[in-house]
Protein backbone atom coordinates (compact mmCIF):
# COMPACT_ATOMS: atom_id res chain seq x y z
CA UNK A 1 -11.04 50.96 -9.45
CA UNK A 2 -8.70 48.75 -11.49
CA UNK A 3 -6.75 47.89 -8.35
CA UNK A 4 -9.94 46.77 -6.60
CA UNK A 5 -11.02 44.73 -9.62
CA UNK A 6 -7.60 43.09 -9.86
CA UNK A 7 -7.65 42.25 -6.15
CA UNK A 8 -11.10 40.71 -6.46
CA UNK A 9 -10.01 38.72 -9.51
CA UNK A 10 -6.93 37.40 -7.70
CA UNK A 11 -9.05 36.48 -4.68
CA UNK A 12 -11.56 34.66 -6.89
CA UNK A 13 -8.76 32.84 -8.70
CA UNK A 14 -7.07 31.84 -5.44
CA UNK A 15 -10.28 30.57 -3.83
CA UNK A 16 -11.26 28.69 -7.00
CA UNK A 17 -7.81 27.09 -7.19
CA UNK A 18 -7.95 26.14 -3.50
CA UNK A 19 -11.37 24.55 -3.97
CA UNK A 20 -10.12 22.66 -7.01
CA UNK A 21 -7.10 21.37 -5.14
CA UNK A 22 -9.27 20.22 -2.23
CA UNK A 23 -11.46 18.25 -4.63
CA UNK A 24 -8.85 16.78 -6.94
CA UNK A 25 -6.36 14.16 -5.77
CA UNK A 26 -4.27 14.05 -8.95
CA UNK A 27 -2.55 16.22 -11.51
CA UNK A 28 0.35 18.67 -11.47
CA UNK A 29 -1.43 21.31 -9.36
CA UNK A 30 -2.32 18.77 -6.69
CA UNK A 31 1.13 17.16 -6.71
CA UNK A 32 2.81 20.57 -6.41
CA UNK A 33 1.44 21.05 -2.90
CA UNK A 34 3.36 20.22 0.26
CA UNK A 35 3.25 16.77 1.84
CA UNK A 36 1.25 18.01 4.83
CA UNK A 37 -1.32 19.81 2.66
CA UNK A 38 -1.96 16.69 0.57
CA UNK A 39 -1.99 14.50 3.68
CA UNK A 40 -4.55 16.77 5.36
CA UNK A 41 -6.85 16.69 2.32
CA UNK A 42 -6.72 12.91 2.06
CA UNK A 43 -7.10 12.38 5.80
CA UNK A 44 -10.16 14.65 5.83
CA UNK A 45 -11.75 12.53 3.11
CA UNK A 46 -10.79 9.27 4.83
CA UNK A 47 -12.31 10.30 8.16
CA UNK A 48 -15.41 12.03 6.76
CA UNK A 49 -17.46 8.83 6.60
CA UNK A 50 -16.60 5.82 8.77
CA UNK A 51 -19.10 3.49 7.15
CA UNK A 52 -17.33 0.53 5.50
CA UNK A 53 -17.30 -0.22 1.80
CA UNK A 54 -18.94 -3.30 0.32
CA UNK A 55 -17.41 -6.54 -0.88
CA UNK A 56 -18.10 -6.85 -4.60
CA UNK A 57 -20.93 -9.14 -5.71
CA UNK A 58 -20.04 -12.06 -7.97
CA UNK A 59 -22.14 -10.48 -10.71
CA UNK A 60 -23.49 -6.95 -10.53
CA UNK A 61 -24.10 -3.64 -12.24
CA UNK A 62 -22.17 -1.88 -13.48
CA UNK A 63 -20.23 -4.97 -14.59
CA UNK A 64 -16.91 -3.38 -13.60
CA UNK A 65 -18.05 -3.39 -9.96
CA UNK A 66 -18.54 -7.18 -9.82
CA UNK A 67 -16.07 -9.86 -8.83
CA UNK A 68 -16.41 -11.56 -12.22
CA UNK A 69 -14.85 -8.46 -13.81
CA UNK A 70 -11.66 -9.06 -11.83
CA UNK A 71 -10.47 -11.49 -14.49
CA UNK A 72 -11.44 -9.24 -17.39
CA UNK A 73 -10.10 -5.80 -16.52
CA UNK A 74 -6.46 -4.90 -17.14
CA UNK A 75 -4.05 -4.21 -14.28
CA UNK A 76 -2.24 -1.66 -16.46
CA UNK A 77 -3.79 1.40 -14.75
CA UNK A 78 -2.66 0.06 -11.36
CA UNK A 79 0.98 0.39 -12.42
CA UNK A 80 0.76 3.45 -14.69
CA UNK A 81 -1.74 5.91 -13.20
CA UNK A 82 -0.14 8.65 -11.06
CA UNK A 83 -2.91 9.66 -8.68
CA UNK A 84 -3.98 9.34 -5.05
CA UNK A 85 -7.58 8.66 -6.01
CA UNK A 86 -9.00 5.66 -7.86
CA UNK A 87 -9.26 6.29 -11.63
CA UNK A 88 -12.82 6.88 -12.79
CA UNK A 89 -14.69 3.69 -13.57
CA UNK A 90 -12.42 1.38 -11.57
CA UNK A 91 -13.44 -0.46 -8.41
CA UNK A 92 -11.56 -2.23 -5.62
CA UNK A 93 -12.37 -5.83 -6.40
CA UNK A 94 -9.78 -7.20 -3.96
CA UNK A 95 -8.86 -5.79 -0.55
CA UNK A 96 -12.27 -4.15 -0.83
CA UNK A 97 -13.14 -3.60 2.84
CA UNK A 98 -10.74 -2.75 5.63
CA UNK A 99 -9.45 -0.16 8.07
CA UNK A 100 -7.44 3.01 7.50
CA UNK A 101 -5.14 5.15 9.62
CA UNK A 102 -2.24 7.54 9.49
CA UNK A 103 1.25 6.23 10.22
CA UNK A 104 4.80 7.41 10.65
CA UNK A 105 7.82 5.51 9.33
CA UNK A 106 10.90 6.18 11.47
CA UNK A 107 14.32 4.97 10.38
CA UNK A 108 17.64 4.16 11.97
CA UNK A 109 20.82 5.17 10.20
CA UNK A 110 20.83 3.33 6.87
CA UNK A 111 22.38 3.67 3.40
CA UNK A 112 19.13 4.24 1.50
CA UNK A 113 17.79 7.49 0.09
CA UNK A 114 14.48 9.33 -0.13
CA UNK A 115 11.71 8.27 2.20
CA UNK A 116 13.97 5.60 3.70
CA UNK A 117 15.23 8.50 5.81
CA UNK A 118 11.77 9.20 7.22
CA UNK A 119 8.10 9.63 6.38
CA UNK A 120 5.87 11.66 8.71
CA UNK A 121 2.83 11.81 6.44
CA UNK A 122 1.86 8.22 5.79
CA UNK A 123 -1.55 6.63 5.26
CA UNK A 124 -2.22 2.91 5.56
CA UNK A 125 -5.03 0.51 4.66
CA UNK A 126 -5.43 -2.92 6.27
CA UNK A 127 -7.64 -5.49 4.55
CA UNK A 128 -8.07 -9.15 3.68
CA UNK A 129 -7.50 -9.81 -0.02
CA UNK A 130 -10.92 -11.42 -0.25
CA UNK A 131 -14.01 -11.47 1.92
CA UNK A 132 -13.31 -13.87 4.81
CA UNK A 133 -15.91 -16.27 6.11
CA UNK A 134 -15.87 -15.15 9.73
CA UNK A 135 -17.42 -16.81 12.73
CA UNK A 136 -16.77 -18.70 15.95
CA UNK A 137 -15.18 -22.07 15.27
CA UNK A 138 -14.09 -21.13 11.76
CA UNK A 139 -10.34 -21.39 11.19
CA UNK A 140 -8.52 -18.58 9.37
CA UNK A 141 -7.39 -20.95 6.61
CA UNK A 142 -10.92 -22.23 6.12
CA UNK A 143 -12.26 -18.68 6.28
CA UNK A 144 -9.86 -17.45 3.60
CA UNK A 145 -8.30 -14.69 5.75
CA UNK A 146 -5.50 -13.16 3.63
CA UNK A 147 -4.13 -10.00 5.29
CA UNK A 148 -2.50 -7.30 3.21
CA UNK A 149 -1.58 -3.63 3.51
CA UNK A 150 -0.98 -0.63 1.32
CA UNK A 151 1.04 2.39 2.48
CA UNK A 152 0.97 5.84 0.88
CA UNK A 153 3.67 8.36 1.78
CA UNK A 154 3.17 12.01 0.85
CA UNK A 155 6.02 14.25 -0.36
CA UNK A 156 6.47 17.95 -1.11
CA UNK A 157 5.91 18.93 -4.73
CA UNK A 158 5.98 15.43 -6.24
CA UNK A 159 3.59 12.45 -6.37
CA UNK A 160 3.23 10.14 -3.39
CA UNK A 161 5.20 6.94 -2.96
CA UNK A 162 3.17 3.75 -2.52
CA UNK A 163 4.14 0.24 -1.44
CA UNK A 164 1.87 -2.78 -0.97
CA UNK A 165 2.56 -5.74 1.32
CA UNK A 166 1.27 -9.27 1.83
CA UNK A 167 2.46 -12.36 3.67
CA UNK A 168 1.42 -14.56 0.75
CA UNK A 169 -1.39 -14.86 -1.77
CA UNK A 170 -2.95 -17.77 0.09
CA UNK A 171 -4.74 -17.46 3.47
CA UNK A 172 -2.83 -17.54 6.75
CA UNK A 173 -3.60 -19.88 9.65
CA UNK A 174 -4.38 -17.17 12.22
CA UNK A 175 -7.14 -14.57 12.60
CA UNK A 176 -4.53 -12.22 14.07
CA UNK A 177 -3.74 -9.77 11.27
CA UNK A 178 -0.29 -9.30 12.81
CA UNK A 179 0.65 -12.97 13.12
CA UNK A 180 3.06 -12.97 10.17
CA UNK A 181 5.72 -10.92 8.46
CA UNK A 182 4.54 -9.04 5.37
CA UNK A 183 6.66 -8.10 2.37
CA UNK A 184 6.65 -6.39 -1.01
CA UNK A 185 7.79 -9.77 -2.47
CA UNK A 186 5.48 -12.79 -2.59
CA UNK A 187 5.99 -16.50 -3.06
CA UNK A 188 4.58 -18.00 -6.27
CA UNK A 189 4.67 -21.53 -4.84
CA UNK A 190 1.75 -23.43 -3.36
CA UNK A 191 -0.95 -21.46 -5.16
CA UNK A 192 -4.41 -22.90 -5.67
CA UNK A 193 -6.66 -22.40 -8.67
CA UNK A 194 -8.04 -19.06 -7.47
CA UNK A 195 -4.57 -17.70 -6.65
CA UNK A 196 -3.18 -18.79 -10.02
CA UNK A 197 -6.08 -17.04 -11.74
CA UNK A 198 -5.28 -13.92 -9.72
CA UNK A 199 -1.62 -14.22 -10.71
CA UNK A 200 -2.74 -14.38 -14.36
CA UNK A 201 -4.72 -11.20 -13.82
CA UNK A 202 -1.62 -9.45 -12.43
CA UNK A 203 0.23 -10.38 -15.61
CA UNK A 204 -2.03 -7.96 -17.52
CA UNK A 205 0.02 -5.19 -15.89
CA UNK A 206 2.73 -5.98 -18.42
CA UNK A 207 5.24 -6.90 -15.71
CA UNK A 208 7.05 -10.23 -15.75
CA UNK A 209 7.53 -9.94 -11.97
CA UNK A 210 3.94 -10.01 -10.79
CA UNK A 211 4.91 -11.30 -7.34
CA UNK A 212 7.01 -8.23 -6.54
CA UNK A 213 6.59 -4.46 -6.38
CA UNK A 214 9.53 -2.11 -6.56
CA UNK A 215 11.02 0.24 -3.98
CA UNK A 216 13.05 2.66 -6.12
CA UNK A 217 10.26 5.27 -6.25
CA UNK A 218 10.21 5.38 -2.45
CA UNK A 219 13.94 6.17 -2.62
CA UNK A 220 13.74 8.62 -5.55
CA UNK A 221 12.43 11.62 -3.57
CA UNK A 222 12.72 12.58 0.09
CA UNK A 223 9.75 13.92 2.04
CA UNK A 224 10.85 17.48 1.21
CA UNK A 225 10.83 16.64 -2.50
CA UNK A 226 14.62 16.43 -2.90
CA UNK A 227 15.41 14.17 -5.86
CA UNK A 228 18.11 11.52 -6.09
CA UNK A 229 19.56 10.81 -9.53
CA UNK A 230 20.10 7.36 -11.01
CA UNK A 231 23.72 7.61 -9.85
CA UNK A 232 22.87 8.57 -6.27
CA UNK A 233 19.64 6.70 -5.54
CA UNK A 234 19.94 3.78 -3.10
CA UNK A 235 17.20 1.30 -2.22
CA UNK A 236 16.98 -2.27 -0.92
CA UNK A 237 15.99 -5.38 -2.86
CA UNK A 238 13.19 -6.29 -0.42
CA UNK A 239 11.39 -4.92 2.62
CA UNK A 240 10.07 -7.08 5.46
CA UNK A 241 7.53 -5.72 7.93
CA UNK A 242 8.00 -7.83 11.04
CA UNK A 243 5.24 -7.51 13.68
CA UNK A 244 6.47 -6.47 17.10
CA UNK A 245 6.18 -9.06 19.86
CA UNK A 246 3.33 -7.02 21.33
CA UNK A 247 1.35 -7.15 18.08
CA UNK A 248 1.98 -10.87 17.54
CA UNK A 249 0.47 -11.52 20.97
CA UNK A 250 -2.23 -8.84 20.76
CA UNK A 251 -4.97 -10.94 19.16
CA UNK A 252 -5.78 -14.67 19.29
CA UNK A 253 -5.23 -17.13 16.46
CA UNK A 254 -8.81 -18.38 16.87
CA UNK A 255 -11.68 -16.22 15.65
CA UNK A 256 -12.58 -13.56 18.19
CA UNK A 257 -14.18 -10.64 16.37
CA UNK A 258 -14.24 -8.95 12.93
CA UNK A 259 -10.96 -7.47 11.71
CA UNK A 260 -12.11 -3.86 12.02
CA UNK A 261 -13.04 -4.40 15.67
CA UNK A 262 -9.53 -5.71 16.35
CA UNK A 263 -7.97 -2.76 14.55
CA UNK A 264 -10.06 -0.24 16.47
CA UNK A 265 -8.49 -1.47 19.73
CA UNK A 266 -5.00 -0.38 18.68
CA UNK A 267 -3.93 2.78 20.47
CA UNK A 268 -2.52 5.85 18.72
CA UNK A 269 1.28 5.70 18.90
CA UNK A 270 1.50 1.90 18.78
CA UNK A 271 4.52 0.48 16.99
CA UNK A 272 3.03 -2.11 14.64
CA UNK A 273 6.05 -3.35 12.73
CA UNK A 274 9.81 -3.30 12.73
CA UNK A 275 11.11 -2.62 9.23
CA UNK A 276 13.85 -4.87 7.88
CA UNK A 277 15.59 -4.48 4.52
CA UNK A 278 17.52 -6.92 2.36
CA UNK A 279 20.18 -5.01 0.46
CA UNK A 280 20.43 -7.80 -2.13
CA UNK A 281 18.69 -11.09 -2.84
CA UNK A 282 21.12 -13.17 -0.78
CA UNK A 283 21.85 -10.51 1.88
CA UNK A 284 20.52 -11.01 5.43
CA UNK A 285 17.70 -8.71 6.56
CA UNK A 286 18.87 -5.68 8.53
CA UNK A 287 16.70 -3.71 10.96
CA UNK A 288 16.35 -0.18 9.54
CA UNK A 289 13.29 1.28 11.27
CA UNK A 290 9.75 0.94 12.53
CA UNK A 291 6.19 1.91 11.67
CA UNK A 292 3.79 3.42 14.22
CA UNK A 293 0.21 4.65 14.15
CA UNK A 294 -0.41 8.40 14.44
CA UNK A 295 -4.21 8.03 14.51
CA UNK A 296 -6.79 5.48 15.47
CA UNK A 297 -7.72 2.84 12.87
CA UNK A 298 -11.24 3.06 11.51
CA UNK A 299 -13.34 1.88 8.62
CA UNK A 300 -13.65 4.44 5.82
CA UNK A 301 -15.98 4.71 2.85
CA UNK A 302 -13.38 6.81 1.02
CA UNK A 303 -10.40 4.55 1.77
CA UNK A 304 -12.37 1.46 0.76
CA UNK A 305 -13.75 2.98 -2.42
CA UNK A 306 -11.50 5.77 -3.62
CA UNK A 307 -7.99 5.73 -2.13
CA UNK A 308 -5.58 4.58 -4.85
CA UNK A 309 -2.24 2.86 -4.27
CA UNK A 310 -0.03 2.70 -7.34
CA UNK A 311 1.99 -0.53 -7.71
CA UNK A 312 5.55 0.00 -8.95
CA UNK A 313 6.68 -2.71 -11.36
CA UNK A 314 9.87 -4.50 -10.33
CA UNK A 315 11.39 -3.86 -13.76
CA UNK A 316 12.00 -0.26 -12.69
CA UNK A 317 14.18 -1.50 -9.82
CA UNK A 318 15.99 -3.98 -12.08
CA UNK A 319 16.75 -1.22 -14.59
CA UNK A 320 18.67 0.61 -11.86
CA UNK A 321 20.20 -2.57 -10.37
CA UNK A 322 20.73 -4.94 -13.32
CA UNK A 323 23.12 -7.06 -11.25
CA UNK A 324 20.09 -8.36 -9.31
CA UNK A 325 18.91 -10.13 -12.43
CA UNK A 326 22.06 -12.25 -12.41
CA UNK A 327 20.65 -14.04 -9.37
CA UNK A 328 16.94 -13.74 -10.15
CA UNK A 329 16.58 -14.40 -13.87
CA UNK A 330 12.82 -14.99 -13.75
CA UNK A 331 9.86 -14.99 -11.38
CA UNK A 332 10.52 -18.56 -10.16
CA UNK A 333 14.32 -18.37 -9.88
CA UNK A 334 14.51 -16.77 -6.44
CA UNK A 335 12.72 -18.14 -3.41
CA UNK A 336 11.01 -15.41 -1.41
CA UNK A 337 12.03 -14.62 2.17
CA UNK A 338 10.49 -15.63 4.55
CA UNK A 339 7.94 -17.93 2.88
CA UNK A 340 10.19 -20.02 0.61
CA UNK A 341 13.63 -19.61 2.17
CA UNK A 342 15.13 -18.79 5.54
CA UNK A 343 16.25 -15.24 6.02
């Protein structure tokens, strides 16, 4: 009798725990799962509803969901929260509507640790930073098309690694999302009023290096959860995602169709970018790998509204590589490759 009761209790506990883990995308129990298990749960949510999110209204209710709130809310949670799902009460006020897919990052032999040796369970979001004014005859600059990406890489037993990429904070001159190199470092030159206001908002994160996100967390743990100590961890100063020749030529510079319709045309298994790394500020970029799709790209209510991508402050990289600060003493001291300087 007791044995049967104990078995039923264990079964109930196991099923309750499994249901909790499927519903919660944060916390120690969730993080303790394997990379594939967490990937599968997120991918199921991402693909459950392919309706797109909504661009935020200038003023709306609740106030936190409106564009006006962008310059009021703090960026602190974006750099401190450890979760794969948007913290309660926060909304995506930039990069609000886009496309999502799964990706694989494959690497050549390189000196870096952690996920720089390979990531099979990656998720990516493509979006313009702000709502573009699309239409035939409208130029990408005029339309405000500002492509950016966020990549989440799942790992066994530890939180995910996240890196965000842009070409620059200002719009590009092509409607082809893949026309330009994207990087985790951005130029602070040539910003207009709106971009300078956005830069001010980023400063509420507490970081002095608002134009950069770090890479040391990506190098801290491998996909299997193996940890690298401060003495053994190795990571580059900057990453550059360089579109392949095929992707640069895939879509026209002139307006052709909405971004999501372009993205839907990309076949599973397409290599989107070659990955280059700069070992130091003044080191030349070296080819270290590539990024390919492992699913189709589709709009997603969950990815647009709930998927969270933590931004790592650059100070964490500088703490491990203080010699970099000898060359880059402040946010304006170092021109950014490839926007400000040749590389």
